[in-house]
N, C-alpha and C. Protein backbone atom coordinates (compact mmCIF):
# COMPACT_ATOMS: atom_id res chain seq x y z
N MET A 1 7.46 8.59 -8.08
CA MET A 1 8.18 8.32 -6.87
C MET A 1 7.94 9.44 -5.84
N ARG A 2 7.94 10.69 -6.30
CA ARG A 2 7.70 11.80 -5.38
C ARG A 2 6.33 11.69 -4.71
N ARG A 3 5.32 11.29 -5.51
CA ARG A 3 3.98 11.14 -4.96
C ARG A 3 3.97 10.08 -3.86
N LEU A 4 4.63 8.96 -4.10
CA LEU A 4 4.69 7.90 -3.09
C LEU A 4 5.42 8.36 -1.84
N LEU A 5 6.52 9.05 -2.00
CA LEU A 5 7.26 9.56 -0.85
C LEU A 5 6.44 10.58 -0.08
N ALA A 6 5.66 11.36 -0.77
CA ALA A 6 4.86 12.40 -0.11
C ALA A 6 3.78 11.80 0.78
N ILE A 7 3.23 10.64 0.41
CA ILE A 7 2.17 10.05 1.22
C ILE A 7 2.67 8.98 2.18
N HIS A 8 3.95 8.66 2.10
CA HIS A 8 4.52 7.64 2.96
C HIS A 8 4.66 8.16 4.39
N ALA A 9 4.14 7.40 5.36
CA ALA A 9 4.33 7.73 6.77
C ALA A 9 5.52 6.94 7.27
N ALA A 10 6.51 7.62 7.78
CA ALA A 10 7.74 6.96 8.23
C ALA A 10 7.42 5.83 9.20
N GLY A 11 8.01 4.65 8.94
CA GLY A 11 7.84 3.50 9.82
C GLY A 11 6.53 2.76 9.63
N SER A 12 5.70 3.19 8.69
CA SER A 12 4.37 2.57 8.58
C SER A 12 4.31 1.42 7.60
N THR A 13 5.30 1.23 6.75
CA THR A 13 5.20 0.17 5.75
C THR A 13 6.43 -0.73 5.71
N ARG A 14 7.24 -0.70 6.68
CA ARG A 14 8.48 -1.47 6.69
C ARG A 14 8.22 -2.88 7.22
N THR A 15 7.39 -3.61 6.54
CA THR A 15 7.07 -4.95 7.01
C THR A 15 8.22 -5.91 6.70
N ALA A 16 8.29 -6.95 7.51
CA ALA A 16 9.35 -7.93 7.36
C ALA A 16 8.85 -9.25 6.78
N SER A 17 7.54 -9.35 6.55
CA SER A 17 7.00 -10.62 6.06
C SER A 17 5.64 -10.42 5.39
N ASP A 18 5.24 -11.43 4.65
CA ASP A 18 3.91 -11.42 4.05
C ASP A 18 2.83 -11.42 5.14
N LEU A 19 3.10 -12.08 6.25
CA LEU A 19 2.15 -12.12 7.35
C LEU A 19 1.90 -10.71 7.89
N GLU A 20 2.95 -9.93 8.03
CA GLU A 20 2.78 -8.56 8.51
C GLU A 20 1.98 -7.73 7.51
N GLU A 21 2.20 -7.93 6.23
CA GLU A 21 1.40 -7.23 5.21
C GLU A 21 -0.06 -7.67 5.30
N ARG A 22 -0.28 -8.97 5.53
CA ARG A 22 -1.63 -9.50 5.65
C ARG A 22 -2.35 -8.90 6.87
N PHE A 23 -1.59 -8.56 7.89
CA PHE A 23 -2.15 -7.91 9.07
C PHE A 23 -2.52 -6.45 8.78
N LEU A 24 -1.63 -5.75 8.11
CA LEU A 24 -1.85 -4.32 7.85
C LEU A 24 -3.02 -4.05 6.90
N SER A 25 -3.22 -4.92 5.94
CA SER A 25 -4.24 -4.68 4.93
C SER A 25 -5.64 -4.45 5.52
N PRO A 26 -6.16 -5.35 6.36
CA PRO A 26 -7.49 -5.09 6.92
C PRO A 26 -7.50 -3.92 7.91
N CYS A 27 -6.38 -3.67 8.55
CA CYS A 27 -6.30 -2.52 9.47
C CYS A 27 -6.47 -1.23 8.69
N ARG A 28 -5.79 -1.13 7.57
CA ARG A 28 -5.91 0.05 6.72
C ARG A 28 -7.33 0.18 6.17
N ALA A 29 -7.87 -0.93 5.68
CA ALA A 29 -9.20 -0.92 5.09
C ALA A 29 -10.26 -0.51 6.12
N ALA A 30 -10.04 -0.85 7.38
CA ALA A 30 -10.99 -0.51 8.44
C ALA A 30 -10.78 0.90 8.99
N GLY A 31 -9.73 1.57 8.51
CA GLY A 31 -9.48 2.94 8.97
C GLY A 31 -8.89 3.04 10.36
N LEU A 32 -8.24 1.96 10.82
CA LEU A 32 -7.60 2.02 12.13
C LEU A 32 -6.39 2.95 12.08
N PRO A 33 -6.03 3.55 13.20
CA PRO A 33 -4.82 4.39 13.21
C PRO A 33 -3.62 3.55 12.78
N PRO A 34 -2.73 4.11 11.97
CA PRO A 34 -1.58 3.33 11.52
C PRO A 34 -0.59 3.09 12.66
N PRO A 35 -0.11 1.86 12.77
CA PRO A 35 0.89 1.55 13.80
C PRO A 35 2.31 1.84 13.28
N GLU A 36 3.24 1.90 14.20
CA GLU A 36 4.65 1.84 13.82
C GLU A 36 4.92 0.37 13.49
N VAL A 37 5.68 0.13 12.46
CA VAL A 37 5.95 -1.23 12.01
C VAL A 37 7.40 -1.58 12.30
N ASN A 38 7.59 -2.74 12.93
CA ASN A 38 8.92 -3.22 13.32
C ASN A 38 9.68 -2.16 14.13
N ALA A 39 8.95 -1.57 15.07
CA ALA A 39 9.51 -0.55 15.95
C ALA A 39 10.34 -1.19 17.05
N ARG A 40 11.30 -0.46 17.56
CA ARG A 40 12.12 -0.93 18.67
C ARG A 40 11.59 -0.32 19.97
N LEU A 41 11.48 -1.18 20.99
CA LEU A 41 11.02 -0.73 22.30
C LEU A 41 11.56 -1.68 23.35
N LYS A 42 12.18 -1.13 24.37
CA LYS A 42 12.70 -1.93 25.49
C LYS A 42 13.62 -3.05 25.02
N GLY A 43 14.35 -2.80 23.95
CA GLY A 43 15.29 -3.79 23.44
C GLY A 43 14.67 -4.85 22.54
N PHE A 44 13.41 -4.72 22.23
CA PHE A 44 12.72 -5.69 21.37
C PHE A 44 12.31 -5.02 20.07
N GLU A 45 12.31 -5.80 19.01
CA GLU A 45 11.69 -5.35 17.76
C GLU A 45 10.29 -5.90 17.74
N LEU A 46 9.32 -5.00 17.61
CA LEU A 46 7.91 -5.37 17.67
C LEU A 46 7.31 -5.33 16.29
N ASP A 47 6.40 -6.24 16.01
CA ASP A 47 5.73 -6.23 14.71
C ASP A 47 4.97 -4.92 14.51
N PHE A 48 4.12 -4.59 15.49
CA PHE A 48 3.27 -3.39 15.37
C PHE A 48 3.15 -2.71 16.72
N LEU A 49 3.27 -1.39 16.72
CA LEU A 49 3.22 -0.63 17.96
C LEU A 49 2.36 0.61 17.78
N TRP A 50 1.38 0.74 18.63
CA TRP A 50 0.61 1.97 18.76
C TRP A 50 1.09 2.59 20.07
N ARG A 51 2.14 3.36 19.99
CA ARG A 51 2.83 3.90 21.16
C ARG A 51 1.88 4.69 22.06
N GLY A 52 1.11 5.60 21.46
CA GLY A 52 0.20 6.45 22.24
C GLY A 52 -0.87 5.66 22.97
N ALA A 53 -1.28 4.54 22.42
CA ALA A 53 -2.30 3.69 23.03
C ALA A 53 -1.69 2.63 23.93
N GLY A 54 -0.36 2.52 23.92
CA GLY A 54 0.30 1.50 24.74
C GLY A 54 -0.02 0.09 24.28
N LEU A 55 -0.20 -0.09 22.97
CA LEU A 55 -0.60 -1.39 22.42
C LEU A 55 0.47 -1.95 21.50
N VAL A 56 0.78 -3.21 21.71
CA VAL A 56 1.70 -3.96 20.86
C VAL A 56 0.92 -5.11 20.26
N ALA A 57 1.02 -5.29 18.94
CA ALA A 57 0.41 -6.45 18.29
C ALA A 57 1.52 -7.25 17.62
N GLU A 58 1.53 -8.53 17.89
CA GLU A 58 2.49 -9.45 17.29
C GLU A 58 1.73 -10.40 16.38
N THR A 59 2.30 -10.70 15.23
CA THR A 59 1.71 -11.67 14.31
C THR A 59 2.58 -12.91 14.32
N ASP A 60 1.97 -14.04 14.60
CA ASP A 60 2.71 -15.28 14.80
C ASP A 60 2.33 -16.34 13.78
N GLY A 61 3.26 -16.66 12.93
CA GLY A 61 3.09 -17.81 12.04
C GLY A 61 3.52 -19.06 12.78
N TYR A 62 2.83 -20.15 12.57
CA TYR A 62 3.12 -21.40 13.29
C TYR A 62 4.56 -21.86 13.07
N ALA A 63 5.03 -21.79 11.86
CA ALA A 63 6.37 -22.30 11.55
C ALA A 63 7.45 -21.57 12.34
N ALA A 64 7.32 -20.28 12.51
CA ALA A 64 8.36 -19.50 13.18
C ALA A 64 8.21 -19.46 14.70
N HIS A 65 7.04 -19.85 15.22
CA HIS A 65 6.79 -19.69 16.66
C HIS A 65 6.44 -20.99 17.36
N ARG A 66 6.71 -22.11 16.75
CA ARG A 66 6.30 -23.37 17.36
C ARG A 66 7.38 -24.02 18.22
N GLY A 67 8.63 -23.64 18.07
CA GLY A 67 9.70 -24.28 18.82
C GLY A 67 9.84 -23.75 20.24
N ARG A 68 10.57 -24.47 21.05
CA ARG A 68 10.78 -24.10 22.46
C ARG A 68 11.42 -22.72 22.59
N ARG A 69 12.44 -22.44 21.78
CA ARG A 69 13.15 -21.16 21.88
C ARG A 69 12.19 -19.99 21.59
N ALA A 70 11.41 -20.08 20.52
CA ALA A 70 10.46 -19.02 20.18
C ALA A 70 9.38 -18.90 21.25
N PHE A 71 8.91 -20.04 21.73
CA PHE A 71 7.88 -20.05 22.76
C PHE A 71 8.35 -19.30 24.00
N GLU A 72 9.54 -19.63 24.48
CA GLU A 72 10.10 -18.98 25.67
C GLU A 72 10.38 -17.50 25.42
N SER A 73 10.95 -17.19 24.29
CA SER A 73 11.28 -15.80 23.95
C SER A 73 10.02 -14.94 23.86
N ASP A 74 8.98 -15.46 23.24
CA ASP A 74 7.72 -14.72 23.11
C ASP A 74 7.13 -14.40 24.48
N ARG A 75 7.16 -15.37 25.38
CA ARG A 75 6.59 -15.15 26.72
C ARG A 75 7.42 -14.15 27.52
N ARG A 76 8.72 -14.21 27.41
CA ARG A 76 9.59 -13.25 28.11
C ARG A 76 9.30 -11.84 27.59
N ARG A 77 9.24 -11.70 26.29
CA ARG A 77 8.95 -10.40 25.68
C ARG A 77 7.62 -9.85 26.18
N ASP A 78 6.59 -10.69 26.19
CA ASP A 78 5.27 -10.24 26.63
C ASP A 78 5.31 -9.74 28.08
N VAL A 79 5.99 -10.47 28.94
CA VAL A 79 6.07 -10.08 30.35
C VAL A 79 6.84 -8.77 30.51
N GLU A 80 7.95 -8.62 29.81
CA GLU A 80 8.73 -7.38 29.89
C GLU A 80 7.93 -6.18 29.40
N LEU A 81 7.21 -6.35 28.31
CA LEU A 81 6.40 -5.25 27.77
C LEU A 81 5.23 -4.92 28.70
N ARG A 82 4.61 -5.94 29.26
CA ARG A 82 3.52 -5.69 30.21
C ARG A 82 4.04 -4.96 31.44
N ALA A 83 5.22 -5.35 31.92
CA ALA A 83 5.82 -4.67 33.07
C ALA A 83 6.10 -3.20 32.76
N ALA A 84 6.32 -2.88 31.50
CA ALA A 84 6.57 -1.50 31.08
C ALA A 84 5.25 -0.76 30.79
N GLY A 85 4.11 -1.42 31.01
CA GLY A 85 2.83 -0.76 30.86
C GLY A 85 2.15 -0.94 29.52
N TYR A 86 2.65 -1.84 28.69
CA TYR A 86 2.06 -2.06 27.37
C TYR A 86 1.13 -3.26 27.39
N THR A 87 0.07 -3.18 26.61
CA THR A 87 -0.81 -4.32 26.37
C THR A 87 -0.26 -5.04 25.14
N VAL A 88 -0.09 -6.35 25.25
CA VAL A 88 0.44 -7.15 24.15
C VAL A 88 -0.65 -8.11 23.68
N VAL A 89 -0.93 -8.07 22.39
CA VAL A 89 -1.87 -9.01 21.80
C VAL A 89 -1.17 -9.75 20.68
N ARG A 90 -1.52 -11.00 20.53
CA ARG A 90 -0.92 -11.85 19.49
C ARG A 90 -2.01 -12.41 18.61
N PHE A 91 -1.77 -12.36 17.31
CA PHE A 91 -2.69 -12.93 16.34
C PHE A 91 -1.93 -13.91 15.47
N THR A 92 -2.57 -15.02 15.17
CA THR A 92 -1.94 -16.03 14.33
C THR A 92 -2.25 -15.77 12.86
N ASP A 93 -1.44 -16.37 12.00
CA ASP A 93 -1.69 -16.24 10.57
C ASP A 93 -3.07 -16.80 10.22
N ARG A 94 -3.44 -17.86 10.87
CA ARG A 94 -4.75 -18.48 10.61
C ARG A 94 -5.90 -17.56 11.03
N GLN A 95 -5.76 -16.88 12.16
CA GLN A 95 -6.79 -15.93 12.59
C GLN A 95 -6.94 -14.80 11.58
N LEU A 96 -5.83 -14.33 11.04
CA LEU A 96 -5.89 -13.25 10.05
C LEU A 96 -6.63 -13.69 8.79
N VAL A 97 -6.38 -14.91 8.36
CA VAL A 97 -7.00 -15.41 7.13
C VAL A 97 -8.47 -15.76 7.36
N LYS A 98 -8.77 -16.46 8.44
CA LYS A 98 -10.11 -16.97 8.66
C LYS A 98 -11.02 -16.02 9.44
N SER A 99 -10.43 -15.11 10.22
CA SER A 99 -11.24 -14.26 11.10
C SER A 99 -10.73 -12.82 11.10
N GLY A 100 -10.43 -12.30 9.94
CA GLY A 100 -9.87 -10.95 9.83
C GLY A 100 -10.75 -9.88 10.45
N ASP A 101 -12.07 -10.00 10.30
CA ASP A 101 -12.98 -9.02 10.90
C ASP A 101 -12.88 -9.05 12.42
N TRP A 102 -12.76 -10.24 12.99
CA TRP A 102 -12.61 -10.38 14.43
C TRP A 102 -11.33 -9.71 14.90
N VAL A 103 -10.23 -9.92 14.17
CA VAL A 103 -8.95 -9.29 14.52
C VAL A 103 -9.11 -7.77 14.54
N VAL A 104 -9.72 -7.22 13.51
CA VAL A 104 -9.91 -5.76 13.42
C VAL A 104 -10.76 -5.26 14.59
N GLU A 105 -11.83 -5.97 14.91
CA GLU A 105 -12.69 -5.53 16.02
C GLU A 105 -11.97 -5.60 17.36
N ARG A 106 -11.15 -6.61 17.55
CA ARG A 106 -10.37 -6.68 18.80
C ARG A 106 -9.40 -5.50 18.87
N LEU A 107 -8.74 -5.20 17.76
CA LEU A 107 -7.83 -4.05 17.75
C LEU A 107 -8.58 -2.76 18.04
N ARG A 108 -9.76 -2.60 17.43
CA ARG A 108 -10.59 -1.42 17.70
C ARG A 108 -10.83 -1.26 19.20
N SER A 109 -11.16 -2.36 19.86
CA SER A 109 -11.48 -2.27 21.28
C SER A 109 -10.24 -1.86 22.08
N PHE A 110 -9.09 -2.37 21.75
CA PHE A 110 -7.86 -2.01 22.46
C PHE A 110 -7.44 -0.57 22.16
N LEU A 111 -7.72 -0.11 20.96
CA LEU A 111 -7.32 1.24 20.57
C LEU A 111 -8.36 2.29 20.95
N GLY A 112 -9.53 1.85 21.41
CA GLY A 112 -10.59 2.79 21.74
C GLY A 112 -11.18 3.44 20.50
N ALA A 113 -11.03 2.77 19.35
CA ALA A 113 -11.58 3.29 18.10
C ALA A 113 -13.05 2.88 18.00
N PRO A 114 -13.87 3.69 17.34
CA PRO A 114 -15.28 3.32 17.18
C PRO A 114 -15.42 2.00 16.45
N SER A 115 -16.38 1.20 16.85
CA SER A 115 -16.60 -0.09 16.18
C SER A 115 -17.20 0.15 14.82
N SER A 116 -17.12 -0.88 13.99
CA SER A 116 -17.67 -0.76 12.65
C SER A 116 -19.19 -0.58 12.70
N ASP A 117 -19.84 -1.04 13.77
CA ASP A 117 -21.29 -0.87 13.92
C ASP A 117 -21.67 0.58 14.14
N SER A 118 -20.77 1.36 14.76
CA SER A 118 -21.11 2.74 15.10
C SER A 118 -20.65 3.74 14.04
N ARG A 119 -20.00 3.25 12.97
CA ARG A 119 -19.55 4.17 11.92
C ARG A 119 -20.62 4.39 10.91
C-alpha cells in the first residue's frame, strides 16, 4: 500500500466510470502528461483537465449524453469554459474503442506534445 501511495499523483486516478478509465489507459501508454481527473472548474466537474495547457477533455457515452437535458447542459458547459479561455474537446466511447490512436494524436496536438512519429 505504501508503494502505491508513493507513486499516486493526487487527482490523477479518481475516475467515475469505465469510460474514463478507457480514456486514461491509452493516454498513459502514449506518455501524455497526466490530466487532473474529475477536477472542478468554473462550477463544473470536468472529466479531464490539463490546467496548464488550458485543455478540457470530456468523454461522452451515448446512453448518458443522448437526451435533451444532457445535450443542452453539455453545450452550455462548453461555451462557459471557452469563454474562460479553455479549449474543450469531446470524445465518444466509440471513438475511444475504434480510434484510440486518433484520440491520442488529437490530444498530443492540443497539448503541444511531440507526435508519436517524432519520438
